[in-house]
Amino acid sequence: MNGAVSIRTNPIDVFARLATAEGYDSERVDLNELHLSIPGLWCDHDVSITWNLGTEQVQIFLIFEGRTPGGRSDDICRLMSLINERLAAGHFDYWDKNEALVYRNSASLRGGAALRTEQAMDMLALALDAAERGYPACQYVIWAGKSPEDALTSALVDLAANP
């Protein structure tokens, strides 16, 4: 590892300062990982942010709580595909092993680039926006038995009604 890379600013520090400024509950897991709890319209969202010095990428993960009852994983995957079509950045995954819905996004900081506060704010805002669309739509599929298409339409209507 060359000297310049070894002394570069850790982008997790940018997110930690932002969490403090915004009043988010946060826990610094280690030097390269931070967990946040960000309040949303429907629930508090758990966000994990990691920094990988080897790949020079900062990654953000927003994991939805709960399991998918009744074997609705095919419908959830279809719903995620529909939501992903509408996202400006990042994407949803369904982790079958954990039965978890996850929003993921990353930023490359190759070449020694520093993460700016505005970039960190954008990453968090994009994750929160995706969660605010995805969470109610998932609830409509899981608990109300709606089709993925109907669930997404209902969730977007609900979101528009709660500015």
N, C-alpha and C. Protein backbone atom coordinates (compact mmCIF):
# COMPACT_ATOMS: atom_id res chain seq x y z
N MET A 1 0.85 -1.17 0.00
CA MET A 1 0.00 0.00 0.00
C MET A 1 0.90 1.24 0.00
N ASN A 2 0.63 2.15 -0.92
CA ASN A 2 1.49 3.33 -0.97
C ASN A 2 1.08 4.33 0.10
N GLY A 3 1.95 5.28 0.38
CA GLY A 3 1.74 6.23 1.46
C GLY A 3 0.49 7.08 1.31
N ALA A 4 0.21 7.54 0.09
CA ALA A 4 -0.95 8.41 -0.12
C ALA A 4 -2.25 7.68 0.17
N VAL A 5 -2.34 6.42 -0.24
CA VAL A 5 -3.57 5.65 0.00
C VAL A 5 -3.73 5.36 1.49
N SER A 6 -2.63 5.09 2.18
CA SER A 6 -2.72 4.72 3.59
C SER A 6 -3.14 5.88 4.48
N ILE A 7 -2.95 7.14 4.04
CA ILE A 7 -3.33 8.28 4.89
C ILE A 7 -4.60 8.98 4.41
N ARG A 8 -5.24 8.46 3.38
CA ARG A 8 -6.43 9.13 2.86
C ARG A 8 -7.54 9.16 3.89
N THR A 9 -8.43 10.08 3.75
CA THR A 9 -9.55 10.23 4.65
C THR A 9 -10.53 9.08 4.45
N ASN A 10 -10.97 8.51 5.54
CA ASN A 10 -11.93 7.42 5.50
C ASN A 10 -13.32 8.01 5.24
N PRO A 11 -14.01 7.59 4.17
CA PRO A 11 -15.33 8.16 3.87
C PRO A 11 -16.38 7.85 4.94
N ILE A 12 -16.14 6.86 5.77
CA ILE A 12 -17.08 6.57 6.86
C ILE A 12 -17.14 7.76 7.82
N ASP A 13 -16.02 8.47 7.95
CA ASP A 13 -15.99 9.66 8.81
C ASP A 13 -16.97 10.72 8.31
N VAL A 14 -17.11 10.85 7.00
CA VAL A 14 -18.05 11.82 6.42
C VAL A 14 -19.49 11.44 6.82
N PHE A 15 -19.82 10.16 6.71
CA PHE A 15 -21.16 9.71 7.09
C PHE A 15 -21.39 9.86 8.60
N ALA A 16 -20.36 9.62 9.40
CA ALA A 16 -20.49 9.76 10.86
C ALA A 16 -20.77 11.21 11.24
N ARG A 17 -20.06 12.15 10.62
CA ARG A 17 -20.31 13.57 10.89
C ARG A 17 -21.71 13.97 10.44
N LEU A 18 -22.13 13.45 9.29
CA LEU A 18 -23.47 13.73 8.78
C LEU A 18 -24.54 13.18 9.73
N ALA A 19 -24.33 11.97 10.24
CA ALA A 19 -25.29 11.37 11.18
C ALA A 19 -25.42 12.23 12.43
N THR A 20 -24.30 12.73 12.92
CA THR A 20 -24.32 13.60 14.10
C THR A 20 -25.09 14.88 13.80
N ALA A 21 -24.81 15.50 12.65
CA ALA A 21 -25.47 16.75 12.27
C ALA A 21 -26.98 16.57 12.10
N GLU A 22 -27.39 15.42 11.59
CA GLU A 22 -28.82 15.17 11.34
C GLU A 22 -29.53 14.56 12.54
N GLY A 23 -28.78 14.18 13.57
CA GLY A 23 -29.38 13.60 14.76
C GLY A 23 -29.80 12.15 14.59
N TYR A 24 -29.19 11.43 13.65
CA TYR A 24 -29.50 10.01 13.46
C TYR A 24 -28.83 9.19 14.55
N ASP A 25 -29.53 8.15 15.00
CA ASP A 25 -28.87 7.18 15.87
C ASP A 25 -27.80 6.49 15.03
N SER A 26 -26.62 6.35 15.61
CA SER A 26 -25.54 5.72 14.84
C SER A 26 -24.66 4.89 15.75
N GLU A 27 -24.02 3.91 15.13
CA GLU A 27 -23.06 3.06 15.84
C GLU A 27 -21.89 2.80 14.90
N ARG A 28 -20.71 3.18 15.33
CA ARG A 28 -19.50 2.92 14.55
C ARG A 28 -19.05 1.50 14.91
N VAL A 29 -19.30 0.56 14.00
CA VAL A 29 -18.98 -0.84 14.24
C VAL A 29 -17.47 -1.05 14.30
N ASP A 30 -16.79 -0.48 13.34
CA ASP A 30 -15.33 -0.47 13.31
C ASP A 30 -14.89 0.67 12.41
N LEU A 31 -13.63 0.73 12.12
CA LEU A 31 -13.08 1.82 11.33
C LEU A 31 -13.78 1.96 9.97
N ASN A 32 -14.22 0.83 9.40
CA ASN A 32 -14.76 0.83 8.05
C ASN A 32 -16.23 0.48 7.96
N GLU A 33 -16.97 0.59 9.06
CA GLU A 33 -18.40 0.29 9.01
C GLU A 33 -19.17 1.15 10.02
N LEU A 34 -20.30 1.64 9.56
CA LEU A 34 -21.17 2.50 10.36
C LEU A 34 -22.61 2.04 10.17
N HIS A 35 -23.36 1.95 11.26
CA HIS A 35 -24.79 1.65 11.18
C HIS A 35 -25.57 2.88 11.60
N LEU A 36 -26.62 3.19 10.84
CA LEU A 36 -27.49 4.32 11.12
C LEU A 36 -28.93 3.86 11.24
N SER A 37 -29.72 4.61 11.99
CA SER A 37 -31.16 4.44 12.01
C SER A 37 -31.74 5.77 11.55
N ILE A 38 -32.42 5.74 10.38
CA ILE A 38 -32.95 6.96 9.79
C ILE A 38 -34.47 6.90 9.81
N PRO A 39 -35.12 7.89 10.44
CA PRO A 39 -36.58 7.86 10.48
C PRO A 39 -37.19 8.09 9.10
N GLY A 40 -38.26 7.34 8.83
CA GLY A 40 -38.98 7.47 7.57
C GLY A 40 -40.45 7.67 7.84
N LEU A 41 -41.24 7.73 6.79
CA LEU A 41 -42.69 7.89 6.94
C LEU A 41 -43.34 6.68 7.57
N TRP A 42 -42.84 5.49 7.23
CA TRP A 42 -43.51 4.25 7.62
C TRP A 42 -42.81 3.55 8.78
N CYS A 43 -41.51 3.73 8.89
CA CYS A 43 -40.73 3.07 9.94
C CYS A 43 -39.34 3.70 9.97
N ASP A 44 -38.55 3.30 10.95
CA ASP A 44 -37.14 3.69 10.97
C ASP A 44 -36.38 2.72 10.07
N HIS A 45 -35.46 3.23 9.30
CA HIS A 45 -34.72 2.41 8.35
C HIS A 45 -33.31 2.16 8.87
N ASP A 46 -32.91 0.90 8.86
CA ASP A 46 -31.57 0.51 9.28
C ASP A 46 -30.64 0.54 8.07
N VAL A 47 -29.58 1.33 8.19
CA VAL A 47 -28.64 1.53 7.09
C VAL A 47 -27.24 1.14 7.56
N SER A 48 -26.57 0.34 6.76
CA SER A 48 -25.17 0.01 7.01
C SER A 48 -24.34 0.61 5.90
N ILE A 49 -23.24 1.24 6.29
CA ILE A 49 -22.33 1.86 5.33
C ILE A 49 -20.96 1.26 5.56
N THR A 50 -20.34 0.79 4.48
CA THR A 50 -19.02 0.17 4.60
C THR A 50 -18.05 0.82 3.63
N TRP A 51 -16.79 0.80 4.02
CA TRP A 51 -15.71 1.30 3.18
C TRP A 51 -14.74 0.15 2.95
N ASN A 52 -14.47 -0.13 1.67
CA ASN A 52 -13.52 -1.17 1.31
C ASN A 52 -12.31 -0.49 0.69
N LEU A 53 -11.24 -0.40 1.45
CA LEU A 53 -10.03 0.28 0.98
C LEU A 53 -9.43 -0.43 -0.22
N GLY A 54 -9.54 -1.77 -0.25
CA GLY A 54 -8.96 -2.54 -1.36
C GLY A 54 -9.60 -2.21 -2.70
N THR A 55 -10.92 -2.09 -2.73
CA THR A 55 -11.63 -1.76 -3.98
C THR A 55 -11.91 -0.27 -4.10
N GLU A 56 -11.62 0.46 -3.03
CA GLU A 56 -11.87 1.91 -2.98
C GLU A 56 -13.33 2.22 -3.27
N GLN A 57 -14.22 1.47 -2.62
CA GLN A 57 -15.66 1.69 -2.77
C GLN A 57 -16.32 1.88 -1.42
N VAL A 58 -17.22 2.84 -1.38
CA VAL A 58 -18.09 3.00 -0.22
C VAL A 58 -19.44 2.41 -0.64
N GLN A 59 -20.00 1.57 0.22
CA GLN A 59 -21.26 0.91 -0.08
C GLN A 59 -22.28 1.22 0.99
N ILE A 60 -23.53 1.33 0.55
CA ILE A 60 -24.63 1.59 1.47
C ILE A 60 -25.65 0.46 1.29
N PHE A 61 -26.12 -0.06 2.42
CA PHE A 61 -27.11 -1.14 2.43
C PHE A 61 -28.25 -0.72 3.35
N LEU A 62 -29.47 -0.78 2.85
CA LEU A 62 -30.64 -0.53 3.67
C LEU A 62 -31.44 -1.82 3.66
N ILE A 63 -31.55 -2.46 4.82
CA ILE A 63 -32.18 -3.78 4.91
C ILE A 63 -33.55 -3.64 5.54
N PHE A 64 -34.56 -4.19 4.86
CA PHE A 64 -35.92 -4.18 5.40
C PHE A 64 -36.03 -5.29 6.43
N GLU A 65 -36.68 -4.99 7.53
CA GLU A 65 -36.93 -5.98 8.57
C GLU A 65 -38.05 -6.91 8.14
N GLY A 66 -38.06 -8.11 8.71
CA GLY A 66 -39.18 -9.01 8.52
C GLY A 66 -38.94 -10.06 7.46
N ARG A 67 -39.80 -11.05 7.48
CA ARG A 67 -39.72 -12.17 6.54
C ARG A 67 -40.93 -12.13 5.61
N THR A 68 -40.80 -12.81 4.51
CA THR A 68 -41.91 -12.88 3.57
C THR A 68 -42.73 -14.14 3.84
N PRO A 69 -43.93 -13.99 4.39
CA PRO A 69 -44.75 -15.15 4.69
C PRO A 69 -45.41 -15.73 3.45
N GLY A 70 -45.74 -17.00 3.55
CA GLY A 70 -46.54 -17.63 2.50
C GLY A 70 -45.84 -17.82 1.17
N GLY A 71 -44.52 -17.85 1.15
CA GLY A 71 -43.81 -18.11 -0.10
C GLY A 71 -44.04 -17.07 -1.17
N ARG A 72 -44.06 -15.82 -0.80
CA ARG A 72 -44.31 -14.73 -1.76
C ARG A 72 -43.02 -14.19 -2.37
N SER A 73 -41.93 -14.94 -2.29
CA SER A 73 -40.64 -14.41 -2.77
C SER A 73 -40.67 -14.11 -4.27
N ASP A 74 -41.41 -14.88 -5.08
CA ASP A 74 -41.50 -14.58 -6.51
C ASP A 74 -42.16 -13.22 -6.74
N ASP A 75 -43.23 -12.95 -5.99
CA ASP A 75 -43.91 -11.65 -6.11
C ASP A 75 -43.02 -10.51 -5.63
N ILE A 76 -42.28 -10.76 -4.55
CA ILE A 76 -41.37 -9.73 -4.04
C ILE A 76 -40.28 -9.44 -5.06
N CYS A 77 -39.74 -10.48 -5.68
CA CYS A 77 -38.71 -10.27 -6.71
C CYS A 77 -39.26 -9.49 -7.89
N ARG A 78 -40.48 -9.78 -8.30
CA ARG A 78 -41.11 -9.03 -9.39
C ARG A 78 -41.31 -7.56 -8.98
N LEU A 79 -41.75 -7.35 -7.75
CA LEU A 79 -41.93 -6.00 -7.24
C LEU A 79 -40.60 -5.24 -7.25
N MET A 80 -39.53 -5.90 -6.81
CA MET A 80 -38.22 -5.24 -6.79
C MET A 80 -37.79 -4.84 -8.20
N SER A 81 -38.10 -5.69 -9.17
CA SER A 81 -37.78 -5.36 -10.56
C SER A 81 -38.53 -4.11 -11.00
N LEU A 82 -39.80 -4.02 -10.63
CA LEU A 82 -40.61 -2.85 -10.99
C LEU A 82 -40.09 -1.58 -10.31
N ILE A 83 -39.70 -1.71 -9.06
CA ILE A 83 -39.17 -0.54 -8.34
C ILE A 83 -37.82 -0.14 -8.92
N ASN A 84 -36.97 -1.13 -9.21
CA ASN A 84 -35.64 -0.84 -9.75
C ASN A 84 -35.72 -0.05 -11.05
N GLU A 85 -36.76 -0.29 -11.85
CA GLU A 85 -36.93 0.45 -13.10
C GLU A 85 -37.10 1.94 -12.85
N ARG A 86 -37.57 2.30 -11.67
CA ARG A 86 -37.87 3.70 -11.34
C ARG A 86 -36.78 4.39 -10.54
N LEU A 87 -35.76 3.66 -10.12
CA LEU A 87 -34.71 4.26 -9.29
C LEU A 87 -33.66 4.97 -10.14
N ALA A 88 -33.23 6.12 -9.65
CA ALA A 88 -32.18 6.88 -10.35
C ALA A 88 -30.81 6.26 -10.09
N ALA A 89 -30.63 5.65 -8.93
CA ALA A 89 -29.34 5.06 -8.58
C ALA A 89 -29.57 3.95 -7.56
N GLY A 90 -28.65 3.01 -7.51
CA GLY A 90 -28.78 1.89 -6.59
C GLY A 90 -29.82 0.90 -7.11
N HIS A 91 -30.04 -0.15 -6.32
CA HIS A 91 -31.02 -1.15 -6.71
C HIS A 91 -31.44 -1.98 -5.51
N PHE A 92 -32.57 -2.65 -5.64
CA PHE A 92 -33.04 -3.58 -4.62
C PHE A 92 -32.62 -4.99 -5.00
N ASP A 93 -32.28 -5.77 -3.99
CA ASP A 93 -32.02 -7.19 -4.13
C ASP A 93 -32.91 -7.92 -3.14
N TYR A 94 -33.20 -9.17 -3.46
CA TYR A 94 -33.85 -10.06 -2.50
C TYR A 94 -32.84 -11.14 -2.16
N TRP A 95 -32.43 -11.19 -0.90
CA TRP A 95 -31.48 -12.19 -0.45
C TRP A 95 -32.27 -13.38 0.06
N ASP A 96 -32.40 -14.40 -0.77
CA ASP A 96 -33.24 -15.55 -0.47
C ASP A 96 -32.80 -16.26 0.80
N LYS A 97 -31.50 -16.38 1.01
CA LYS A 97 -30.99 -17.10 2.18
C LYS A 97 -31.52 -16.50 3.48
N ASN A 98 -31.55 -15.18 3.56
CA ASN A 98 -32.02 -14.48 4.77
C ASN A 98 -33.47 -14.01 4.64
N GLU A 99 -34.05 -14.23 3.47
CA GLU A 99 -35.38 -13.70 3.16
C GLU A 99 -35.42 -12.20 3.49
N ALA A 100 -34.43 -11.50 3.00
CA ALA A 100 -34.31 -10.07 3.30
C ALA A 100 -34.33 -9.26 2.01
N LEU A 101 -34.99 -8.14 2.09
CA LEU A 101 -35.01 -7.16 1.02
C LEU A 101 -33.95 -6.12 1.33
N VAL A 102 -33.10 -5.82 0.35
CA VAL A 102 -31.97 -4.93 0.58
C VAL A 102 -31.86 -3.93 -0.56
N TYR A 103 -31.77 -2.65 -0.19
CA TYR A 103 -31.40 -1.61 -1.16
C TYR A 103 -29.89 -1.46 -1.06
N ARG A 104 -29.24 -1.43 -2.23
CA ARG A 104 -27.78 -1.31 -2.27
C ARG A 104 -27.37 -0.20 -3.24
N ASN A 105 -26.31 0.49 -2.86
CA ASN A 105 -25.73 1.49 -3.75
C ASN A 105 -24.25 1.60 -3.37
N SER A 106 -23.44 2.07 -4.30
CA SER A 106 -22.02 2.23 -4.01
C SER A 106 -21.48 3.42 -4.78
N ALA A 107 -20.35 3.88 -4.31
CA ALA A 107 -19.63 4.96 -4.99
C ALA A 107 -18.17 4.57 -5.06
N SER A 108 -17.61 4.71 -6.24
CA SER A 108 -16.19 4.42 -6.43
C SER A 108 -15.39 5.68 -6.10
N LEU A 109 -14.36 5.48 -5.30
CA LEU A 109 -13.45 6.58 -4.96
C LEU A 109 -12.03 6.24 -5.40
N ARG A 110 -11.95 5.51 -6.53
CA ARG A 110 -10.66 5.07 -7.04
C ARG A 110 -9.77 6.28 -7.35
N GLY A 111 -8.51 6.02 -7.22
CA GLY A 111 -7.54 7.06 -7.51
C GLY A 111 -7.35 8.06 -6.39
N GLY A 112 -7.85 7.73 -5.21
CA GLY A 112 -7.67 8.62 -4.07
C GLY A 112 -8.72 9.70 -3.93
N ALA A 113 -9.82 9.59 -4.65
CA ALA A 113 -10.88 10.60 -4.55
C ALA A 113 -11.44 10.63 -3.13
N ALA A 114 -11.81 11.80 -2.68
CA ALA A 114 -12.41 11.96 -1.36
C ALA A 114 -13.93 12.05 -1.51
N LEU A 115 -14.64 11.48 -0.56
CA LEU A 115 -16.10 11.58 -0.55
C LEU A 115 -16.49 12.93 0.02
N ARG A 116 -17.27 13.66 -0.73
CA ARG A 116 -17.75 14.97 -0.29
C ARG A 116 -19.03 14.79 0.53
N THR A 117 -19.29 15.72 1.40
CA THR A 117 -20.50 15.69 2.22
C THR A 117 -21.75 15.61 1.35
N GLU A 118 -21.76 16.36 0.26
CA GLU A 118 -22.92 16.36 -0.64
C GLU A 118 -23.15 14.98 -1.26
N GLN A 119 -22.07 14.27 -1.57
CA GLN A 119 -22.21 12.92 -2.12
C GLN A 119 -22.80 11.97 -1.08
N ALA A 120 -22.32 12.08 0.15
CA ALA A 120 -22.85 11.24 1.23
C ALA A 120 -24.33 11.54 1.46
N MET A 121 -24.68 12.83 1.44
CA MET A 121 -26.09 13.22 1.60
C MET A 121 -26.94 12.64 0.48
N ASP A 122 -26.43 12.69 -0.75
CA ASP A 122 -27.15 12.12 -1.89
C ASP A 122 -27.35 10.62 -1.73
N MET A 123 -26.31 9.92 -1.30
CA MET A 123 -26.42 8.47 -1.13
C MET A 123 -27.49 8.12 -0.10
N LEU A 124 -27.51 8.85 1.01
CA LEU A 124 -28.52 8.60 2.04
C LEU A 124 -29.91 8.98 1.55
N ALA A 125 -30.02 10.10 0.84
CA ALA A 125 -31.33 10.53 0.33
C ALA A 125 -31.88 9.54 -0.69
N LEU A 126 -31.02 9.02 -1.56
CA LEU A 126 -31.46 8.02 -2.54
C LEU A 126 -31.92 6.74 -1.85
N ALA A 127 -31.19 6.32 -0.82
CA ALA A 127 -31.58 5.12 -0.08
C ALA A 127 -32.92 5.32 0.62
N LEU A 128 -33.09 6.48 1.24
CA LEU A 128 -34.33 6.76 1.95
C LEU A 128 -35.51 6.85 0.97
N ASP A 129 -35.30 7.50 -0.16
CA ASP A 129 -36.36 7.60 -1.17
C ASP A 129 -36.76 6.21 -1.66
N ALA A 130 -35.77 5.37 -1.93
CA ALA A 130 -36.07 4.01 -2.38
C ALA A 130 -36.82 3.23 -1.31
N ALA A 131 -36.41 3.39 -0.06
CA ALA A 131 -37.08 2.69 1.03
C ALA A 131 -38.51 3.16 1.22
N GLU A 132 -38.73 4.45 1.07
CA GLU A 132 -40.08 4.99 1.24
C GLU A 132 -41.02 4.51 0.14
N ARG A 133 -40.48 4.17 -1.02
CA ARG A 133 -41.29 3.57 -2.09
C ARG A 133 -41.43 2.06 -1.88
N GLY A 134 -40.31 1.44 -1.52
CA GLY A 134 -40.28 -0.01 -1.43
C GLY A 134 -40.98 -0.60 -0.24
N TYR A 135 -40.86 0.04 0.92
CA TYR A 135 -41.42 -0.53 2.14
C TYR A 135 -42.93 -0.72 2.06
N PRO A 136 -43.70 0.33 1.74
CA PRO A 136 -45.16 0.12 1.69
C PRO A 136 -45.56 -0.84 0.57
N ALA A 137 -44.87 -0.80 -0.54
CA ALA A 137 -45.21 -1.72 -1.63
C ALA A 137 -45.01 -3.16 -1.19
N CYS A 138 -43.93 -3.42 -0.48
CA CYS A 138 -43.69 -4.78 0.04
C CYS A 138 -44.77 -5.20 1.01
N GLN A 139 -45.18 -4.27 1.86
CA GLN A 139 -46.24 -4.59 2.82
C GLN A 139 -47.54 -4.95 2.11
N TYR A 140 -47.83 -4.23 1.03
CA TYR A 140 -49.04 -4.54 0.26
C TYR A 140 -48.97 -5.94 -0.35
N VAL A 141 -47.81 -6.33 -0.82
CA VAL A 141 -47.65 -7.68 -1.40
C VAL A 141 -47.73 -8.73 -0.31
N ILE A 142 -46.97 -8.54 0.76
CA ILE A 142 -46.85 -9.56 1.80
C ILE A 142 -48.13 -9.70 2.60
N TRP A 143 -48.65 -8.60 3.10
CA TRP A 143 -49.75 -8.67 4.05
C TRP A 143 -51.12 -8.48 3.42
N ALA A 144 -51.21 -7.74 2.32
CA ALA A 144 -52.52 -7.51 1.70
C ALA A 144 -52.76 -8.44 0.51
N GLY A 145 -51.71 -9.17 0.09
CA GLY A 145 -51.88 -10.12 -0.99
C GLY A 145 -52.05 -9.50 -2.36
N LYS A 146 -51.64 -8.23 -2.51
CA LYS A 146 -51.78 -7.56 -3.80
C LYS A 146 -50.72 -8.06 -4.79
N SER A 147 -51.02 -7.88 -6.06
CA SER A 147 -50.03 -8.19 -7.09
C SER A 147 -48.91 -7.15 -6.99
N PRO A 148 -47.73 -7.46 -7.49
CA PRO A 148 -46.64 -6.48 -7.45
C PRO A 148 -47.02 -5.16 -8.14
N GLU A 149 -47.70 -5.24 -9.26
CA GLU A 149 -48.09 -4.03 -9.99
C GLU A 149 -49.06 -3.18 -9.18
N ASP A 150 -50.09 -3.82 -8.60
CA ASP A 150 -51.06 -3.10 -7.79
C ASP A 150 -50.42 -2.53 -6.52
N ALA A 151 -49.52 -3.30 -5.93
CA ALA A 151 -48.84 -2.85 -4.71
C ALA A 151 -48.02 -1.60 -4.98
N LEU A 152 -47.30 -1.58 -6.09
CA LEU A 152 -46.47 -0.42 -6.42
C LEU A 152 -47.34 0.80 -6.68
N THR A 153 -48.42 0.63 -7.41
CA THR A 153 -49.34 1.74 -7.67
C THR A 153 -49.90 2.28 -6.37
N SER A 154 -50.35 1.40 -5.48
CA SER A 154 -50.90 1.85 -4.19
C SER A 154 -49.86 2.56 -3.36
N ALA A 155 -48.64 2.04 -3.34
CA ALA A 155 -47.57 2.65 -2.54
C ALA A 155 -47.22 4.03 -3.06
N LEU A 156 -47.17 4.20 -4.38
CA LEU A 156 -46.85 5.51 -4.95
C LEU A 156 -47.96 6.52 -4.67
N VAL A 157 -49.21 6.06 -4.68
CA VAL A 157 -50.33 6.94 -4.34
C VAL A 157 -50.22 7.37 -2.88
N ASP A 158 -49.93 6.40 -1.98
CA ASP A 158 -49.77 6.70 -0.57
C ASP A 158 -48.62 7.68 -0.34
N LEU A 159 -47.52 7.48 -1.05
CA LEU A 159 -46.36 8.34 -0.90
C LEU A 159 -46.69 9.77 -1.36
N ALA A 160 -47.44 9.90 -2.44
CA ALA A 160 -47.83 11.21 -2.94
C ALA A 160 -48.75 11.92 -1.95
N ALA A 161 -49.53 11.15 -1.19
CA ALA A 161 -50.47 11.72 -0.23
C ALA A 161 -49.77 12.14 1.07
N ASN A 162 -48.51 11.70 1.28
CA ASN A 162 -47.75 12.01 2.49
C ASN A 162 -46.48 12.77 2.13
N PRO A 163 -46.60 14.03 1.74
CA PRO A 163 -45.39 14.77 1.33
C PRO A 163 -44.44 15.02 2.48
